[in-house]
Amino acid sequence: MLFVSSDLYEETYSQVAYLNSVRAMLAKCGAGGMEFEQCDVDTAFLYGKLEEEIYIELPEGLRGLLELAEAEGEDDVVCMLLQSFRQAQPFLENSGEKHWDAGIKVVRYLLKTKDVGIVYDGLLGTQLEAYSDEYWAGHRDDQRPVSGMLLKLCGAPVVWRSTFQKTVARSSTEAEYMVLSDCVKECVWMRRLLKGIGAEQVGATVIYDDNQGAMTLAKNVGYQARTKHIDIRYHFIREKVVSNEVELEYVDTKNQHADFMTKGLLSKTLCYFIMRSNVGPKLETSN
């Protein structure tokens, strides 16, 4: 769907659904025993109400089949596509060992997970819970930590993220504190979303973490000489703890569900976390 600002017609944006919002809605429907349908609206932009005169011009390269059949000469758009294809031609002819190994891993992953999906158990309710973890100095080149977070509804993930942090942390406590801050932001946003769809949270959202130092730092608003260099934008986590929007609880590493978002694990450990995240065979659905 395409929307145009009434003041600035040159600026356009395409409104798409945020997948985290979709998963939260699916979990809410599962908890409430609801049924939902998916549909697609053709030419949705024609249904908007416009008070101004709008002139539409087809983008370059968009033509009808009859017009293409009658066209003569070379097409600049096709030439540009061929040029892009030619740049990738060396990799298509001789992918190399690294590209070949990466392709094999992707195909193997798709084959093993084609019948696997996320199962939301409505009996577990819609109380939000979160897991936050980090892998200190996980990047081999610049030693940046790896952040991992997992938010769950109805016993299954609705939000997950695995990224490199933007800065180098001087300690595991500092790295964990920064990923805790990002996790709190996701929890605050998800709590507002759930309130809007009729699943308002009761009490604080529990965030499970396996770093005692980071949890102590988040709960202590006093001066800390060793952490005075941490950017102030990360300290808002303390405000959310005081306002009882989030609650930090310690969990041992063996039960840290976000651990597999930060580093590679043994197959047995990975299968355990997958099982605890309600990721399993897809259920049969009726049309």
C-alpha atoms as a PDB file:
ATOM      1  CA  MET A   1       0.000   0.000   0.000  1.00  0.00           C
ATOM      2  CA  LEU A   2       1.357   3.440  -0.917  1.00  0.00           C
ATOM      3  CA  PHE A   3       0.629   6.567   1.084  1.00  0.00           C
ATOM      4  CA  VAL A   4       1.425  10.147   0.116  1.00  0.00           C
ATOM      5  CA  SER A   5       1.702  13.017   2.563  1.00  0.00           C
ATOM      6  CA  SER A   6      -0.816  15.813   1.949  1.00  0.00           C
ATOM      7  CA  ASP A   7       1.947  18.416   2.333  1.00  0.00           C
ATOM      8  CA  LEU A   8       5.004  16.772   0.811  1.00  0.00           C
ATOM      9  CA  TYR A   9       4.044  14.769  -2.260  1.00  0.00           C
ATOM     10  CA  GLU A  10       7.671  13.951  -3.002  1.00  0.00           C
ATOM     11  CA  GLU A  11       8.001  11.880   0.188  1.00  0.00           C
ATOM     12  CA  THR A  12       6.277   8.512   0.052  1.00  0.00           C
ATOM     13  CA  TYR A  13       6.476   5.441   2.202  1.00  0.00           C
ATOM     14  CA  SER A  14       5.121   1.938   2.082  1.00  0.00           C
ATOM     15  CA  GLN A  15       3.275   0.838   5.182  1.00  0.00           C
ATOM     16  CA  VAL A  16       3.993  -2.787   6.007  1.00  0.00           C
ATOM     17  CA  ALA A  17       3.149  -4.904   9.009  1.00  0.00           C
ATOM     18  CA  TYR A  18       5.853  -5.322  11.648  1.00  0.00           C
ATOM     19  CA  LEU A  19       6.394  -9.068  12.021  1.00  0.00           C
ATOM     20  CA  ASN A  20       6.757  -8.778  15.791  1.00  0.00           C
ATOM     21  CA  SER A  21       3.281  -7.214  15.882  1.00  0.00           C
ATOM     22  CA  VAL A  22       1.894 -10.017  13.725  1.00  0.00           C
ATOM     23  CA  ARG A  23       3.341 -12.690  16.014  1.00  0.00           C
ATOM     24  CA  ALA A  24       1.950 -10.927  19.085  1.00  0.00           C
ATOM     25  CA  MET A  25      -1.492 -10.832  17.473  1.00  0.00           C
ATOM     26  CA  LEU A  26      -1.257 -14.537  16.609  1.00  0.00           C
ATOM     27  CA  ALA A  27      -0.374 -15.349  20.213  1.00  0.00           C
ATOM     28  CA  LYS A  28      -3.318 -13.266  21.442  1.00  0.00           C
ATOM     29  CA  CYS A  29      -5.665 -15.077  19.045  1.00  0.00           C
ATOM     30  CA  GLY A  30      -4.366 -18.435  20.229  1.00  0.00           C
ATOM     31  CA  ALA A  31      -4.891 -17.524  23.874  1.00  0.00           C
ATOM     32  CA  GLY A  32      -8.438 -16.327  23.188  1.00  0.00           C
ATOM     33  CA  GLY A  33      -9.437 -19.263  20.999  1.00  0.00           C
ATOM     34  CA  MET A  34     -10.057 -16.947  18.050  1.00  0.00           C
ATOM     35  CA  GLU A  35     -10.024 -17.660  14.342  1.00  0.00           C
ATOM     36  CA  PHE A  36      -8.293 -15.388  11.856  1.00  0.00           C
ATOM     37  CA  GLU A  37      -8.150 -15.152   8.099  1.00  0.00           C
ATOM     38  CA  GLN A  38      -5.585 -13.727   5.730  1.00  0.00           C
ATOM     39  CA  CYS A  39      -6.632 -11.696   2.716  1.00  0.00           C
ATOM     40  CA  ASP A  40      -5.078  -9.405   0.158  1.00  0.00           C
ATOM     41  CA  VAL A  41      -6.762  -6.246  -1.124  1.00  0.00           C
ATOM     42  CA  ASP A  42      -6.074  -5.600  -4.805  1.00  0.00           C
ATOM     43  CA  THR A  43      -5.198  -2.019  -5.746  1.00  0.00           C
ATOM     44  CA  ALA A  44      -5.528  -0.923  -2.123  1.00  0.00           C
ATOM     45  CA  PHE A  45      -4.288   2.596  -2.904  1.00  0.00           C
ATOM     46  CA  LEU A  46      -7.540   3.276  -4.798  1.00  0.00           C
ATOM     47  CA  TYR A  47      -9.574   3.046  -1.588  1.00  0.00           C
ATOM     48  CA  GLY A  48      -8.020   6.051   0.122  1.00  0.00           C
ATOM     49  CA  LYS A  49      -9.912   9.331   0.429  1.00  0.00           C
ATOM     50  CA  LEU A  50      -8.185  12.204  -1.368  1.00  0.00           C
ATOM     51  CA  GLU A  51      -9.230  15.836  -1.259  1.00  0.00           C
ATOM     52  CA  GLU A  52      -6.583  16.992  -3.748  1.00  0.00           C
ATOM     53  CA  GLU A  53      -5.982  16.236  -7.394  1.00  0.00           C
ATOM     54  CA  ILE A  54      -3.259  13.621  -7.715  1.00  0.00           C
ATOM     55  CA  TYR A  55      -1.399  12.942 -10.955  1.00  0.00           C
ATOM     56  CA  ILE A  56       0.053   9.449 -11.246  1.00  0.00           C
ATOM     57  CA  GLU A  57       2.944   8.519 -13.493  1.00  0.00           C
ATOM     58  CA  LEU A  58       4.040   4.962 -14.148  1.00  0.00           C
ATOM     59  CA  PRO A  59       7.600   4.209 -13.049  1.00  0.00           C
ATOM     60  CA  GLU A  60      10.255   3.473 -15.626  1.00  0.00           C
ATOM     61  CA  GLY A  61      10.131  -0.091 -16.869  1.00  0.00           C
ATOM     62  CA  LEU A  62       6.491  -0.757 -15.949  1.00  0.00           C
ATOM     63  CA  ARG A  63       4.693  -1.483 -19.221  1.00  0.00           C
ATOM     64  CA  GLY A  64       1.883  -3.629 -20.469  1.00  0.00           C
ATOM     65  CA  LEU A  65       2.507  -6.823 -22.409  1.00  0.00           C
ATOM     66  CA  LEU A  66       1.007  -5.382 -25.615  1.00  0.00           C
ATOM     67  CA  GLU A  67       3.208  -2.293 -25.402  1.00  0.00           C
ATOM     68  CA  LEU A  68       6.312  -4.407 -24.895  1.00  0.00           C
ATOM     69  CA  ALA A  69       5.451  -6.534 -27.910  1.00  0.00           C
ATOM     70  CA  GLU A  70       5.122  -3.453 -30.140  1.00  0.00           C
ATOM     71  CA  ALA A  71       8.207  -1.691 -28.770  1.00  0.00           C
ATOM     72  CA  GLU A  72      11.260  -1.383 -30.984  1.00  0.00           C
ATOM     73  CA  GLY A  73      14.881  -0.791 -30.132  1.00  0.00           C
ATOM     74  CA  GLU A  74      16.802  -1.414 -26.940  1.00  0.00           C
ATOM     75  CA  ASP A  75      15.361  -0.971 -23.482  1.00  0.00           C
ATOM     76  CA  ASP A  76      17.578   0.881 -21.008  1.00  0.00           C
ATOM     77  CA  VAL A  77      15.918  -0.841 -18.042  1.00  0.00           C
ATOM     78  CA  VAL A  78      16.647  -4.287 -19.442  1.00  0.00           C
ATOM     79  CA  CYS A  79      20.237  -3.208 -20.098  1.00  0.00           C
ATOM     80  CA  MET A  80      20.660  -2.183 -16.470  1.00  0.00           C
ATOM     81  CA  LEU A  81      19.258  -5.521 -15.311  1.00  0.00           C
ATOM     82  CA  LEU A  82      21.674  -7.358 -17.584  1.00  0.00           C
ATOM     83  CA  GLN A  83      24.549  -5.320 -16.218  1.00  0.00           C
ATOM     84  CA  SER A  84      23.638  -6.267 -12.647  1.00  0.00           C
ATOM     85  CA  PHE A  85      23.348  -9.894 -13.687  1.00  0.00           C
ATOM     86  CA  ARG A  86      26.744  -9.735 -15.392  1.00  0.00           C
ATOM     87  CA  GLN A  87      28.368  -8.517 -12.177  1.00  0.00           C
ATOM     88  CA  ALA A  88      27.163 -11.647 -10.395  1.00  0.00           C
ATOM     89  CA  GLN A  89      28.109 -13.962 -13.262  1.00  0.00           C
ATOM     90  CA  PRO A  90      31.584 -14.881 -11.906  1.00  0.00           C
ATOM     91  CA  PHE A  91      30.024 -16.234  -8.717  1.00  0.00           C
ATOM     92  CA  LEU A  92      27.411 -18.184 -10.682  1.00  0.00           C
ATOM     93  CA  GLU A  93      30.046 -19.854 -12.841  1.00  0.00           C
ATOM     94  CA  ASN A  94      32.607 -20.476 -10.109  1.00  0.00           C
ATOM     95  CA  SER A  95      31.178 -19.839  -6.661  1.00  0.00           C
ATOM     96  CA  GLY A  96      34.358 -20.734  -4.795  1.00  0.00           C
ATOM     97  CA  GLU A  97      34.706 -22.849  -1.684  1.00  0.00           C
ATOM     98  CA  LYS A  98      33.320 -20.252   0.741  1.00  0.00           C
ATOM     99  CA  HIS A  99      30.229 -19.519  -1.364  1.00  0.00           C
ATOM    100  CA  TRP A 100      29.691 -23.225  -1.948  1.00  0.00           C
ATOM    101  CA  ASP A 101      29.896 -24.077   1.762  1.00  0.00           C
ATOM    102  CA  ALA A 102      27.551 -21.204   2.627  1.00  0.00           C
ATOM    103  CA  GLY A 103      25.053 -22.364   0.002  1.00  0.00           C
ATOM    104  CA  ILE A 104      25.156 -25.927   1.320  1.00  0.00           C
ATOM    105  CA  LYS A 105      24.488 -24.684   4.860  1.00  0.00           C
ATOM    106  CA  VAL A 106      21.508 -22.624   3.689  1.00  0.00           C
ATOM    107  CA  VAL A 107      20.002 -25.546   1.769  1.00  0.00           C
ATOM    108  CA  ARG A 108      20.563 -27.905   4.699  1.00  0.00           C
ATOM    109  CA  TYR A 109      18.910 -25.444   7.072  1.00  0.00           C
ATOM    110  CA  LEU A 110      15.874 -25.002   4.796  1.00  0.00           C
ATOM    111  CA  LEU A 111      15.431 -28.748   4.372  1.00  0.00           C
ATOM    112  CA  LYS A 112      15.572 -29.422   8.107  1.00  0.00           C
ATOM    113  CA  THR A 113      13.245 -26.582   9.101  1.00  0.00           C
ATOM    114  CA  LYS A 114      10.613 -26.686   6.345  1.00  0.00           C
ATOM    115  CA  ASP A 115       8.199 -28.577   8.625  1.00  0.00           C
ATOM    116  CA  VAL A 116       9.095 -26.652  11.798  1.00  0.00           C
ATOM    117  CA  GLY A 117       7.143 -23.719  13.187  1.00  0.00           C
ATOM    118  CA  ILE A 118       6.414 -21.689  16.322  1.00  0.00           C
ATOM    119  CA  VAL A 119       3.572 -23.090  18.432  1.00  0.00           C
ATOM    120  CA  TYR A 120       1.734 -20.652  20.719  1.00  0.00           C
ATOM    121  CA  ASP A 121       0.026 -22.424  23.621  1.00  0.00           C
ATOM    122  CA  GLY A 122      -3.066 -20.461  24.590  1.00  0.00           C
ATOM    123  CA  LEU A 123      -3.261 -22.255  27.945  1.00  0.00           C
ATOM    124  CA  LEU A 124      -0.055 -20.530  29.074  1.00  0.00           C
ATOM    125  CA  GLY A 125      -1.649 -17.076  28.869  1.00  0.00           C
ATOM    126  CA  THR A 126      -0.372 -13.816  27.431  1.00  0.00           C
ATOM    127  CA  GLN A 127       1.948 -12.749  30.228  1.00  0.00           C
ATOM    128  CA  LEU A 128       5.094 -11.395  28.607  1.00  0.00           C
ATOM    129  CA  GLU A 129       8.499 -12.697  29.672  1.00  0.00           C
ATOM    130  CA  ALA A 130      11.937 -11.839  28.320  1.00  0.00           C
ATOM    131  CA  TYR A 131      15.451 -13.258  28.247  1.00  0.00           C
ATOM    132  CA  SER A 132      18.589 -11.183  27.767  1.00  0.00           C
ATOM    133  CA  ASP A 133      22.110 -12.458  27.142  1.00  0.00           C
ATOM    134  CA  GLU A 134      25.433 -11.431  25.611  1.00  0.00           C
ATOM    135  CA  TYR A 135      28.662 -12.964  24.368  1.00  0.00           C
ATOM    136  CA  TRP A 136      31.516 -10.707  25.415  1.00  0.00           C
ATOM    137  CA  ALA A 137      34.111  -9.992  22.703  1.00  0.00           C
ATOM    138  CA  GLY A 138      32.234 -12.250  20.322  1.00  0.00           C
ATOM    139  CA  HIS A 139      33.389 -10.487  17.144  1.00  0.00           C
ATOM    140  CA  ARG A 140      36.771 -11.826  16.053  1.00  0.00           C
ATOM    141  CA  ASP A 141      37.871  -8.645  14.287  1.00  0.00           C
ATOM    142  CA  ASP A 142      37.000  -5.769  16.607  1.00  0.00           C
ATOM    143  CA  GLN A 143      35.987  -7.683  19.782  1.00  0.00           C
ATOM    144  CA  ARG A 144      32.476  -6.250  19.883  1.00  0.00           C
ATOM    145  CA  PRO A 145      30.009  -8.204  22.050  1.00  0.00           C
ATOM    146  CA  VAL A 146      27.093 -10.147  20.595  1.00  0.00           C
ATOM    147  CA  SER A 147      23.669  -9.196  21.969  1.00  0.00           C
ATOM    148  CA  GLY A 148      20.825 -11.671  22.157  1.00  0.00           C
ATOM    149  CA  MET A 149      17.274 -11.201  23.382  1.00  0.00           C
ATOM    150  CA  LEU A 150      14.103 -13.258  23.365  1.00  0.00           C
ATOM    151  CA  LEU A 151      10.554 -12.126  24.244  1.00  0.00           C
ATOM    152  CA  LYS A 152       7.921 -14.825  24.717  1.00  0.00           C
ATOM    153  CA  LEU A 153       4.133 -14.950  24.769  1.00  0.00           C
ATOM    154  CA  CYS A 154       2.102 -18.107  25.286  1.00  0.00           C
ATOM    155  CA  GLY A 155       5.352 -19.975  25.821  1.00  0.00           C
ATOM    156  CA  ALA A 156       6.802 -19.148  22.392  1.00  0.00           C
ATOM    157  CA  PRO A 157       8.941 -16.342  20.925  1.00  0.00           C
ATOM    158  CA  VAL A 158       7.363 -13.215  19.469  1.00  0.00           C
ATOM    159  CA  VAL A 159      10.523 -11.089  19.373  1.00  0.00           C
ATOM    160  CA  TRP A 160      14.083 -12.288  18.968  1.00  0.00           C
ATOM    161  CA  ARG A 161      17.268 -10.532  18.002  1.00  0.00           C
ATOM    162  CA  SER A 162      20.940 -11.362  17.610  1.00  0.00           C
ATOM    163  CA  THR A 163      23.235  -8.455  16.713  1.00  0.00           C
ATOM    164  CA  PHE A 164      26.699  -7.089  17.305  1.00  0.00           C
ATOM    165  CA  GLN A 165      26.827  -4.172  19.713  1.00  0.00           C
ATOM    166  CA  LYS A 166      27.928  -0.840  18.279  1.00  0.00           C
ATOM    167  CA  THR A 167      30.718  -0.308  20.793  1.00  0.00           C
ATOM    168  CA  VAL A 168      33.427  -2.398  22.435  1.00  0.00           C
ATOM    169  CA  ALA A 169      32.614  -3.263  26.049  1.00  0.00           C
ATOM    170  CA  ARG A 170      35.344  -3.235  28.689  1.00  0.00           C
ATOM    171  CA  SER A 171      33.711  -6.021  30.693  1.00  0.00           C
ATOM    172  CA  SER A 172      30.975  -8.623  30.441  1.00  0.00           C
ATOM    173  CA  THR A 173      28.946  -6.602  32.944  1.00  0.00           C
ATOM    174  CA  GLU A 174      29.036  -3.565  30.683  1.00  0.00           C
ATOM    175  CA  ALA A 175      28.088  -5.631  27.633  1.00  0.00           C
ATOM    176  CA  GLU A 176      25.218  -7.292  29.505  1.00  0.00           C
ATOM    177  CA  TYR A 177      24.016  -3.936  30.803  1.00  0.00           C
ATOM    178  CA  MET A 178      23.750  -2.554  27.275  1.00  0.00           C
ATOM    179  CA  VAL A 179      21.791  -5.526  25.945  1.00  0.00           C
ATOM    180  CA  LEU A 180      19.538  -5.312  29.007  1.00  0.00           C
ATOM    181  CA  SER A 181      18.764  -1.728  28.039  1.00  0.00           C
ATOM    182  CA  ASP A 182      17.776  -2.786  24.518  1.00  0.00           C
ATOM    183  CA  CYS A 183      15.652  -5.606  25.923  1.00  0.00           C
ATOM    184  CA  VAL A 184      13.824  -3.180  28.208  1.00  0.00           C
ATOM    185  CA  LYS A 185      12.992  -0.978  25.216  1.00  0.00           C
ATOM    186  CA  GLU A 186      11.454  -3.951  23.415  1.00  0.00           C
ATOM    187  CA  CYS A 187       9.468  -4.892  26.514  1.00  0.00           C
ATOM    188  CA  VAL A 188       8.070  -1.370  26.922  1.00  0.00           C
ATOM    189  CA  TRP A 189       7.009  -1.309  23.261  1.00  0.00           C
ATOM    190  CA  MET A 190       5.466  -4.781  23.453  1.00  0.00           C
ATOM    191  CA  ARG A 191       3.546  -3.935  26.636  1.00  0.00           C
ATOM    192  CA  ARG A 192       1.943  -0.961  24.863  1.00  0.00           C
ATOM    193  CA  LEU A 193       1.086  -3.108  21.863  1.00  0.00           C
ATOM    194  CA  LEU A 194      -0.492  -5.809  24.014  1.00  0.00           C
ATOM    195  CA  LYS A 195      -2.552  -3.196  25.833  1.00  0.00           C
ATOM    196  CA  GLY A 196      -3.879  -1.976  22.497  1.00  0.00           C
ATOM    197  CA  ILE A 197      -5.009  -5.456  21.406  1.00  0.00           C
ATOM    198  CA  GLY A 198      -6.703  -6.328  24.691  1.00  0.00           C
ATOM    199  CA  ALA A 199      -3.899  -8.213  26.443  1.00  0.00           C
ATOM    200  CA  GLU A 200      -2.813  -5.622  29.006  1.00  0.00           C
ATOM    201  CA  GLN A 201      -0.021  -6.873  31.222  1.00  0.00           C
ATOM    202  CA  VAL A 202      -0.600  -7.375  34.935  1.00  0.00           C
ATOM    203  CA  GLY A 203       2.396  -6.356  36.986  1.00  0.00           C
ATOM    204  CA  ALA A 204       5.958  -6.008  35.790  1.00  0.00           C
ATOM    205  CA  THR A 205       7.476  -7.908  32.875  1.00  0.00           C
ATOM    206  CA  VAL A 206      10.142 -10.280  34.138  1.00  0.00           C
ATOM    207  CA  ILE A 207      13.486 -10.170  32.317  1.00  0.00           C
ATOM    208  CA  TYR A 208      15.719 -13.159  33.017  1.00  0.00           C
ATOM    209  CA  ASP A 209      19.457 -12.534  32.988  1.00  0.00           C
ATOM    210  CA  ASP A 210      22.520 -14.539  34.002  1.00  0.00           C
ATOM    211  CA  ASN A 211      24.857 -11.661  34.899  1.00  0.00           C
ATOM    212  CA  GLN A 212      24.637 -10.569  38.517  1.00  0.00           C
ATOM    213  CA  GLY A 213      26.855  -7.531  37.948  1.00  0.00           C
ATOM    214  CA  ALA A 214      24.617  -6.080  35.232  1.00  0.00           C
ATOM    215  CA  MET A 215      21.505  -6.638  37.338  1.00  0.00           C
ATOM    216  CA  THR A 216      23.107  -4.909  40.323  1.00  0.00           C
ATOM    217  CA  LEU A 217      24.152  -1.992  38.129  1.00  0.00           C
ATOM    218  CA  ALA A 218      20.599  -1.660  36.773  1.00  0.00           C
ATOM    219  CA  LYS A 219      19.093  -1.564  40.258  1.00  0.00           C
ATOM    220  CA  ASN A 220      21.673   0.768  41.815  1.00  0.00           C
ATOM    221  CA  VAL A 221      21.286   4.444  40.889  1.00  0.00           C
ATOM    222  CA  GLY A 222      24.373   5.522  42.813  1.00  0.00           C
ATOM    223  CA  TYR A 223      27.700   6.625  41.369  1.00  0.00           C
ATOM    224  CA  GLN A 224      29.881   3.864  39.958  1.00  0.00           C
ATOM    225  CA  ALA A 225      33.446   4.859  39.066  1.00  0.00           C
ATOM    226  CA  ARG A 226      33.979   1.844  36.820  1.00  0.00           C
ATOM    227  CA  THR A 227      30.843   2.504  34.773  1.00  0.00           C
ATOM    228  CA  LYS A 228      30.893   6.299  34.480  1.00  0.00           C
ATOM    229  CA  HIS A 229      31.872   6.034  30.803  1.00  0.00           C
ATOM    230  CA  ILE A 230      28.675   4.163  29.820  1.00  0.00           C
ATOM    231  CA  ASP A 231      26.399   6.278  27.636  1.00  0.00           C
ATOM    232  CA  ILE A 232      23.543   7.842  29.580  1.00  0.00           C
ATOM    233  CA  ARG A 233      20.985   6.480  27.117  1.00  0.00           C
ATOM    234  CA  TYR A 234      21.493   3.014  28.576  1.00  0.00           C
ATOM    235  CA  HIS A 235      20.623   4.116  32.117  1.00  0.00           C
ATOM    236  CA  PHE A 236      16.897   4.542  31.465  1.00  0.00           C
ATOM    237  CA  ILE A 237      16.600   0.879  32.453  1.00  0.00           C
ATOM    238  CA  ARG A 238      16.788   2.040  36.083  1.00  0.00           C
ATOM    239  CA  GLU A 239      13.713   4.225  35.608  1.00  0.00           C
ATOM    240  CA  LYS A 240      11.705   1.297  34.257  1.00  0.00           C
ATOM    241  CA  VAL A 241      12.778  -0.899  37.169  1.00  0.00           C
ATOM    242  CA  VAL A 242      11.703   1.760  39.692  1.00  0.00           C
ATOM    243  CA  SER A 243       8.354   2.300  37.916  1.00  0.00           C
ATOM    244  CA  ASN A 244       7.696  -1.470  38.103  1.00  0.00           C
ATOM    245  CA  GLU A 245       7.352  -1.870  34.349  1.00  0.00           C
ATOM    246  CA  VAL A 246      10.126  -4.464  34.285  1.00  0.00           C
ATOM    247  CA  GLU A 247      11.604  -6.752  36.918  1.00  0.00           C
ATOM    248  CA  LEU A 248      15.033  -8.353  36.703  1.00  0.00           C
ATOM    249  CA  GLU A 249      15.469 -11.940  37.846  1.00  0.00           C
ATOM    250  CA  TYR A 250      18.573 -14.064  37.832  1.00  0.00           C
ATOM    251  CA  VAL A 251      18.613 -17.309  35.860  1.00  0.00           C
ATOM    252  CA  ASP A 252      21.520 -19.705  35.498  1.00  0.00           C
ATOM    253  CA  THR A 253      23.136 -20.083  32.093  1.00  0.00           C
ATOM    254  CA  LYS A 254      21.701 -23.582  31.635  1.00  0.00           C
ATOM    255  CA  ASN A 255      18.195 -22.085  31.589  1.00  0.00           C
ATOM    256  CA  GLN A 256      19.041 -18.878  29.705  1.00  0.00           C
ATOM    257  CA  HIS A 257      16.786 -19.235  26.647  1.00  0.00           C
ATOM    258  CA  ALA A 258      18.554 -16.408  24.802  1.00  0.00           C
ATOM    259  CA  ASP A 259      21.930 -18.140  25.028  1.00  0.00           C
ATOM    260  CA  PHE A 260      21.650 -19.641  21.547  1.00  0.00           C
ATOM    261  CA  MET A 261      21.140 -16.137  20.123  1.00  0.00           C
ATOM    262  CA  THR A 262      24.712 -15.156  21.034  1.00  0.00           C
ATOM    263  CA  LYS A 263      26.951 -18.082  20.074  1.00  0.00           C
ATOM    264  CA  GLY A 264      27.029 -21.603  18.724  1.00  0.00           C
ATOM    265  CA  LEU A 265      26.022 -24.337  21.164  1.00  0.00           C
ATOM    266  CA  LEU A 266      26.233 -28.091  21.342  1.00  0.00           C
ATOM    267  CA  SER A 267      23.446 -29.896  19.507  1.00  0.00           C
ATOM    268  CA  LYS A 268      21.992 -31.267  22.741  1.00  0.00           C
ATOM    269  CA  THR A 269      21.876 -27.823  24.358  1.00  0.00           C
ATOM    270  CA  LEU A 270      20.436 -26.198  21.237  1.00  0.00           C
ATOM    271  CA  CYS A 271      17.678 -28.826  20.970  1.00  0.00           C
ATOM    272  CA  TYR A 272      16.808 -28.206  24.626  1.00  0.00           C
ATOM    273  CA  PHE A 273      16.390 -24.454  24.102  1.00  0.00           C
ATOM    274  CA  ILE A 274      14.371 -25.044  20.928  1.00  0.00           C
ATOM    275  CA  MET A 275      12.038 -27.366  22.826  1.00  0.00           C
ATOM    276  CA  ARG A 276      11.634 -24.835  25.659  1.00  0.00           C
ATOM    277  CA  SER A 277      10.767 -22.175  23.067  1.00  0.00           C
ATOM    278  CA  ASN A 278       7.850 -24.229  21.699  1.00  0.00           C
ATOM    279  CA  VAL A 279       9.473 -24.566  18.294  1.00  0.00           C
ATOM    280  CA  GLY A 280       8.448 -27.860  16.747  1.00  0.00           C
ATOM    281  CA  PRO A 281       6.556 -29.607  13.944  1.00  0.00           C
ATOM    282  CA  LYS A 282       3.846 -27.530  12.309  1.00  0.00           C
ATOM    283  CA  LEU A 283       0.291 -28.394  13.303  1.00  0.00           C
ATOM    284  CA  GLU A 284      -2.261 -29.443  10.720  1.00  0.00           C
ATOM    285  CA  THR A 285      -4.736 -26.680   9.926  1.00  0.00           C
ATOM    286  CA  SER A 286      -8.154 -26.868   8.331  1.00  0.00           C
ATOM    287  CA  ASN A 287      -8.944 -24.736   5.283  1.00  0.00           C
END
